Amino acid sequence: MEPSNVDRAFEALVKRAGVRPIGCTNLRHSCATLLFTMDVDASTVQRILRHSSITVTTGTSPT
């Protein structure tokens, strides 16, 4: 599936549901937040979101 097609389909669903417009990326951020709130470990969240690096998942940069 082309990303632009996914975005268009999601936009149509949001409009049909009558909710505030958000993008797919917002869903990924919300998913991460909910998983961390549920005390899911960072490596599991990384695998779920398919991040290449744990620093992307945790929002920290290596020093």
PDB file of N, CA and C in Angstrom:
ATOM      1  N   MET A   1       0.831  -1.181   0.000  1.00  0.00           N
ATOM      2  CA  MET A   1       0.000   0.000   0.000  1.00  0.00           C
ATOM      3  C   MET A   1       0.874   1.243   0.000  1.00  0.00           C
ATOM      4  N   GLU A   2       0.520   2.183  -0.792  1.00  0.00           N
ATOM      5  CA  GLU A   2       1.239   3.445  -0.850  1.00  0.00           C
ATOM      6  C   GLU A   2       0.903   4.292   0.380  1.00  0.00           C
ATOM      7  N   PRO A   3       1.900   4.920   0.999  1.00  0.00           N
ATOM      8  CA  PRO A   3       1.631   5.754   2.178  1.00  0.00           C
ATOM      9  C   PRO A   3       0.580   6.838   1.931  1.00  0.00           C
ATOM     10  N   SER A   4       0.594   7.428   0.743  1.00  0.00           N
ATOM     11  CA  SER A   4      -0.399   8.474   0.460  1.00  0.00           C
ATOM     12  C   SER A   4      -1.819   7.901   0.442  1.00  0.00           C
ATOM     13  N   ASN A   5      -1.966   6.654   0.009  1.00  0.00           N
ATOM     14  CA  ASN A   5      -3.286   6.014   0.029  1.00  0.00           C
ATOM     15  C   ASN A   5      -3.747   5.746   1.456  1.00  0.00           C
ATOM     16  N   VAL A   6      -2.814   5.341   2.301  1.00  0.00           N
ATOM     17  CA  VAL A   6      -3.147   5.110   3.714  1.00  0.00           C
ATOM     18  C   VAL A   6      -3.589   6.420   4.347  1.00  0.00           C
ATOM     19  N   ASP A   7      -2.835   7.493   4.094  1.00  0.00           N
ATOM     20  CA  ASP A   7      -3.181   8.800   4.643  1.00  0.00           C
ATOM     21  C   ASP A   7      -4.567   9.253   4.175  1.00  0.00           C
ATOM     22  N   ARG A   8      -4.838   9.081   2.885  1.00  0.00           N
ATOM     23  CA  ARG A   8      -6.145   9.486   2.350  1.00  0.00           C
ATOM     24  C   ARG A   8      -7.274   8.682   2.978  1.00  0.00           C
ATOM     25  N   ALA A   9      -7.081   7.380   3.104  1.00  0.00           N
ATOM     26  CA  ALA A   9      -8.114   6.530   3.703  1.00  0.00           C
ATOM     27  C   ALA A   9      -8.339   6.909   5.161  1.00  0.00           C
ATOM     28  N   PHE A  10      -7.246   7.173   5.872  1.00  0.00           N
ATOM     29  CA  PHE A  10      -7.376   7.548   7.277  1.00  0.00           C
ATOM     30  C   PHE A  10      -8.091   8.889   7.417  1.00  0.00           C
ATOM     31  N   GLU A  11      -7.737   9.855   6.566  1.00  0.00           N
ATOM     32  CA  GLU A  11      -8.408  11.157   6.592  1.00  0.00           C
ATOM     33  C   GLU A  11      -9.908  11.005   6.376  1.00  0.00           C
ATOM     34  N   ALA A  12     -10.294  10.119   5.466  1.00  0.00           N
ATOM     35  CA  ALA A  12     -11.723   9.899   5.200  1.00  0.00           C
ATOM     36  C   ALA A  12     -12.412   9.303   6.423  1.00  0.00           C
ATOM     37  N   LEU A  13     -11.740   8.377   7.104  1.00  0.00           N
ATOM     38  CA  LEU A  13     -12.322   7.778   8.307  1.00  0.00           C
ATOM     39  C   LEU A  13     -12.478   8.799   9.425  1.00  0.00           C
ATOM     40  N   VAL A  14     -11.476   9.654   9.588  1.00  0.00           N
ATOM     41  CA  VAL A  14     -11.537  10.704  10.610  1.00  0.00           C
ATOM     42  C   VAL A  14     -12.699  11.653  10.312  1.00  0.00           C
ATOM     43  N   LYS A  15     -12.826  12.037   9.062  1.00  0.00           N
ATOM     44  CA  LYS A  15     -13.914  12.941   8.675  1.00  0.00           C
ATOM     45  C   LYS A  15     -15.276  12.285   8.918  1.00  0.00           C
ATOM     46  N   ARG A  16     -15.396  11.018   8.530  1.00  0.00           N
ATOM     47  CA  ARG A  16     -16.659  10.300   8.706  1.00  0.00           C
ATOM     48  C   ARG A  16     -17.015  10.145  10.179  1.00  0.00           C
ATOM     49  N   ALA A  17     -15.992   9.978  11.020  1.00  0.00           N
ATOM     50  CA  ALA A  17     -16.224   9.829  12.456  1.00  0.00           C
ATOM     51  C   ALA A  17     -16.543  11.164  13.119  1.00  0.00           C
ATOM     52  N   GLY A  18     -16.239  12.264  12.426  1.00  0.00           N
ATOM     53  CA  GLY A  18     -16.541  13.578  12.974  1.00  0.00           C
ATOM     54  C   GLY A  18     -15.638  13.981  14.125  1.00  0.00           C
ATOM     55  N   VAL A  19     -14.413  13.471  14.119  1.00  0.00           N
ATOM     56  CA  VAL A  19     -13.472  13.818  15.179  1.00  0.00           C
ATOM     57  C   VAL A  19     -12.433  14.805  14.655  1.00  0.00           C
ATOM     58  N   ARG A  20     -11.684  15.392  15.575  1.00  0.00           N
ATOM     59  CA  ARG A  20     -10.647  16.364  15.218  1.00  0.00           C
ATOM     60  C   ARG A  20      -9.640  15.711  14.286  1.00  0.00           C
ATOM     61  N   PRO A  21      -9.292  16.375  13.190  1.00  0.00           N
ATOM     62  CA  PRO A  21      -8.325  15.807  12.245  1.00  0.00           C
ATOM     63  C   PRO A  21      -6.955  15.581  12.889  1.00  0.00           C
ATOM     64  N   ILE A  22      -6.437  14.380  12.726  1.00  0.00           N
ATOM     65  CA  ILE A  22      -5.090  14.039  13.173  1.00  0.00           C
ATOM     66  C   ILE A  22      -4.441  13.205  12.076  1.00  0.00           C
ATOM     67  N   GLY A  23      -3.150  13.076  12.138  1.00  0.00           N
ATOM     68  CA  GLY A  23      -2.440  12.270  11.156  1.00  0.00           C
ATOM     69  C   GLY A  23      -2.066  10.909  11.721  1.00  0.00           C
ATOM     70  N   CYS A  24      -1.641  10.031  10.849  1.00  0.00           N
ATOM     71  CA  CYS A  24      -1.237   8.690  11.274  1.00  0.00           C
ATOM     72  C   CYS A  24      -0.063   8.726  12.249  1.00  0.00           C
ATOM     73  N   THR A  25       0.821   9.694  12.080  1.00  0.00           N
ATOM     74  CA  THR A  25       1.965   9.800  12.981  1.00  0.00           C
ATOM     75  C   THR A  25       1.502  10.049  14.408  1.00  0.00           C
ATOM     76  N   ASN A  26       0.428  10.818  14.557  1.00  0.00           N
ATOM     77  CA  ASN A  26      -0.115  11.058  15.887  1.00  0.00           C
ATOM     78  C   ASN A  26      -0.549   9.752  16.549  1.00  0.00           C
ATOM     79  N   LEU A  27      -1.049   8.824  15.756  1.00  0.00           N
ATOM     80  CA  LEU A  27      -1.455   7.532  16.307  1.00  0.00           C
ATOM     81  C   LEU A  27      -0.250   6.753  16.826  1.00  0.00           C
ATOM     82  N   ARG A  28       0.865   6.832  16.116  1.00  0.00           N
ATOM     83  CA  ARG A  28       2.088   6.157  16.557  1.00  0.00           C
ATOM     84  C   ARG A  28       2.574   6.739  17.880  1.00  0.00           C
ATOM     85  N   HIS A  29       2.540   8.069  17.987  1.00  0.00           N
ATOM     86  CA  HIS A  29       2.955   8.715  19.233  1.00  0.00           C
ATOM     87  C   HIS A  29       2.026   8.321  20.373  1.00  0.00           C
ATOM     88  N   SER A  30       0.728   8.297  20.101  1.00  0.00           N
ATOM     89  CA  SER A  30      -0.239   7.907  21.127  1.00  0.00           C
ATOM     90  C   SER A  30      -0.028   6.461  21.555  1.00  0.00           C
ATOM     91  N   CYS A  31       0.252   5.602  20.592  1.00  0.00           N
ATOM     92  CA  CYS A  31       0.518   4.193  20.892  1.00  0.00           C
ATOM     93  C   CYS A  31       1.717   4.078  21.822  1.00  0.00           C
ATOM     94  N   ALA A  32       2.800   4.777  21.497  1.00  0.00           N
ATOM     95  CA  ALA A  32       4.005   4.735  22.329  1.00  0.00           C
ATOM     96  C   ALA A  32       3.708   5.236  23.735  1.00  0.00           C
ATOM     97  N   THR A  33       2.985   6.340  23.824  1.00  0.00           N
ATOM     98  CA  THR A  33       2.641   6.902  25.130  1.00  0.00           C
ATOM     99  C   THR A  33       1.832   5.916  25.957  1.00  0.00           C
ATOM    100  N   LEU A  34       0.832   5.303  25.339  1.00  0.00           N
ATOM    101  CA  LEU A  34       0.007   4.332  26.062  1.00  0.00           C
ATOM    102  C   LEU A  34       0.820   3.119  26.507  1.00  0.00           C
ATOM    103  N   LEU A  35       1.692   2.633  25.638  1.00  0.00           N
ATOM    104  CA  LEU A  35       2.514   1.479  26.003  1.00  0.00           C
ATOM    105  C   LEU A  35       3.434   1.814  27.179  1.00  0.00           C
ATOM    106  N   PHE A  36       4.076   2.989  27.146  1.00  0.00           N
ATOM    107  CA  PHE A  36       4.941   3.381  28.263  1.00  0.00           C
ATOM    108  C   PHE A  36       4.137   3.584  29.537  1.00  0.00           C
ATOM    109  N   THR A  37       2.908   4.119  29.413  1.00  0.00           N
ATOM    110  CA  THR A  37       2.031   4.290  30.574  1.00  0.00           C
ATOM    111  C   THR A  37       1.682   2.939  31.204  1.00  0.00           C
ATOM    112  N   MET A  38       1.614   1.910  30.353  1.00  0.00           N
ATOM    113  CA  MET A  38       1.310   0.556  30.836  1.00  0.00           C
ATOM    114  C   MET A  38       2.574  -0.185  31.287  1.00  0.00           C
ATOM    115  N   ASP A  39       3.691   0.548  31.402  1.00  0.00           N
ATOM    116  CA  ASP A  39       4.969  -0.021  31.849  1.00  0.00           C
ATOM    117  C   ASP A  39       5.526  -1.090  30.923  1.00  0.00           C
ATOM    118  N   VAL A  40       5.226  -0.992  29.639  1.00  0.00           N
ATOM    119  CA  VAL A  40       5.836  -1.885  28.653  1.00  0.00           C
ATOM    120  C   VAL A  40       7.275  -1.427  28.479  1.00  0.00           C
ATOM    121  N   ASP A  41       8.209  -2.370  28.474  1.00  0.00           N
ATOM    122  CA  ASP A  41       9.622  -1.983  28.384  1.00  0.00           C
ATOM    123  C   ASP A  41       9.937  -1.393  27.012  1.00  0.00           C
ATOM    124  N   ALA A  42      10.959  -0.532  27.008  1.00  0.00           N
ATOM    125  CA  ALA A  42      11.301   0.235  25.811  1.00  0.00           C
ATOM    126  C   ALA A  42      11.653  -0.651  24.624  1.00  0.00           C
ATOM    127  N   SER A  43      12.305  -1.775  24.862  1.00  0.00           N
ATOM    128  CA  SER A  43      12.673  -2.637  23.733  1.00  0.00           C
ATOM    129  C   SER A  43      11.439  -3.253  23.066  1.00  0.00           C
ATOM    130  N   THR A  44      10.417  -3.534  23.838  1.00  0.00           N
ATOM    131  CA  THR A  44       9.175  -4.059  23.267  1.00  0.00           C
ATOM    132  C   THR A  44       8.462  -2.969  22.462  1.00  0.00           C
ATOM    133  N   VAL A  45       8.428  -1.761  23.013  1.00  0.00           N
ATOM    134  CA  VAL A  45       7.830  -0.639  22.287  1.00  0.00           C
ATOM    135  C   VAL A  45       8.583  -0.398  20.988  1.00  0.00           C
ATOM    136  N   GLN A  46       9.906  -0.489  21.045  1.00  0.00           N
ATOM    137  CA  GLN A  46      10.730  -0.328  19.844  1.00  0.00           C
ATOM    138  C   GLN A  46      10.343  -1.340  18.780  1.00  0.00           C
ATOM    139  N   ARG A  47      10.162  -2.599  19.180  1.00  0.00           N
ATOM    140  CA  ARG A  47       9.787  -3.641  18.207  1.00  0.00           C
ATOM    141  C   ARG A  47       8.394  -3.397  17.632  1.00  0.00           C
ATOM    142  N   ILE A  48       7.458  -2.992  18.481  1.00  0.00           N
ATOM    143  CA  ILE A  48       6.086  -2.742  18.022  1.00  0.00           C
ATOM    144  C   ILE A  48       6.059  -1.610  16.997  1.00  0.00           C
ATOM    145  N   LEU A  49       6.797  -0.526  17.278  1.00  0.00           N
ATOM    146  CA  LEU A  49       6.801   0.635  16.393  1.00  0.00           C
ATOM    147  C   LEU A  49       7.810   0.514  15.265  1.00  0.00           C
ATOM    148  N   ARG A  50       8.618  -0.551  15.313  1.00  0.00           N
ATOM    149  CA  ARG A  50       9.627  -0.833  14.289  1.00  0.00           C
ATOM    150  C   ARG A  50      10.642   0.300  14.143  1.00  0.00           C
ATOM    151  N   HIS A  51      11.046   0.840  15.297  1.00  0.00           N
ATOM    152  CA  HIS A  51      12.101   1.849  15.300  1.00  0.00           C
ATOM    153  C   HIS A  51      13.447   1.173  15.110  1.00  0.00           C
ATOM    154  N   SER A  52      14.346   1.852  14.414  1.00  0.00           N
ATOM    155  CA  SER A  52      15.671   1.285  14.153  1.00  0.00           C
ATOM    156  C   SER A  52      16.580   1.378  15.366  1.00  0.00           C
ATOM    157  N   SER A  53      16.272   2.269  16.282  1.00  0.00           N
ATOM    158  CA  SER A  53      17.136   2.505  17.431  1.00  0.00           C
ATOM    159  C   SER A  53      16.297   2.731  18.681  1.00  0.00           C
ATOM    160  N   ILE A  54      16.801   2.268  19.800  1.00  0.00           N
ATOM    161  CA  ILE A  54      16.096   2.472  21.070  1.00  0.00           C
ATOM    162  C   ILE A  54      16.039   3.951  21.412  1.00  0.00           C
ATOM    163  N   THR A  55      17.033   4.730  20.945  1.00  0.00           N
ATOM    164  CA  THR A  55      17.007   6.180  21.229  1.00  0.00           C
ATOM    165  C   THR A  55      15.862   6.879  20.514  1.00  0.00           C
ATOM    166  N   VAL A  56      15.445   6.361  19.388  1.00  0.00           N
ATOM    167  CA  VAL A  56      14.276   6.908  18.701  1.00  0.00           C
ATOM    168  C   VAL A  56      13.025   6.645  19.553  1.00  0.00           C
ATOM    169  N   THR A  57      12.939   5.450  20.095  1.00  0.00           N
ATOM    170  CA  THR A  57      11.784   5.049  20.894  1.00  0.00           C
ATOM    171  C   THR A  57      11.690   5.840  22.189  1.00  0.00           C
ATOM    172  N   THR A  58      12.809   6.021  22.845  1.00  0.00           N
ATOM    173  CA  THR A  58      12.792   6.688  24.147  1.00  0.00           C
ATOM    174  C   THR A  58      12.909   8.197  24.035  1.00  0.00           C
ATOM    175  N   GLY A  59      13.194   8.686  22.830  1.00  0.00           N
ATOM    176  CA  GLY A  59      13.296  10.119  22.643  1.00  0.00           C
ATOM    177  C   GLY A  59      14.559  10.720  23.210  1.00  0.00           C
ATOM    178  N   THR A  60      15.561   9.892  23.453  1.00  0.00           N
ATOM    179  CA  THR A  60      16.840  10.378  23.972  1.00  0.00           C
ATOM    180  C   THR A  60      17.907  10.218  22.901  1.00  0.00           C
ATOM    181  N   SER A  61      18.897  11.050  22.972  1.00  0.00           N
ATOM    182  CA  SER A  61      20.001  10.929  22.024  1.00  0.00           C
ATOM    183  C   SER A  61      21.255  10.481  22.755  1.00  0.00           C
ATOM    184  N   PRO A  62      22.090   9.688  22.082  1.00  0.00           N
ATOM    185  CA  PRO A  62      23.306   9.231  22.754  1.00  0.00           C
ATOM    186  C   PRO A  62      24.242  10.409  23.015  1.00  0.00           C
ATOM    187  N   THR A  63      24.960  10.350  24.140  1.00  0.00           N
ATOM    188  CA  THR A  63      25.893  11.441  24.468  1.00  0.00           C
ATOM    189  C   THR A  63      27.312  11.060  24.156  1.00  0.00           C
TER     190      THR A  63
END
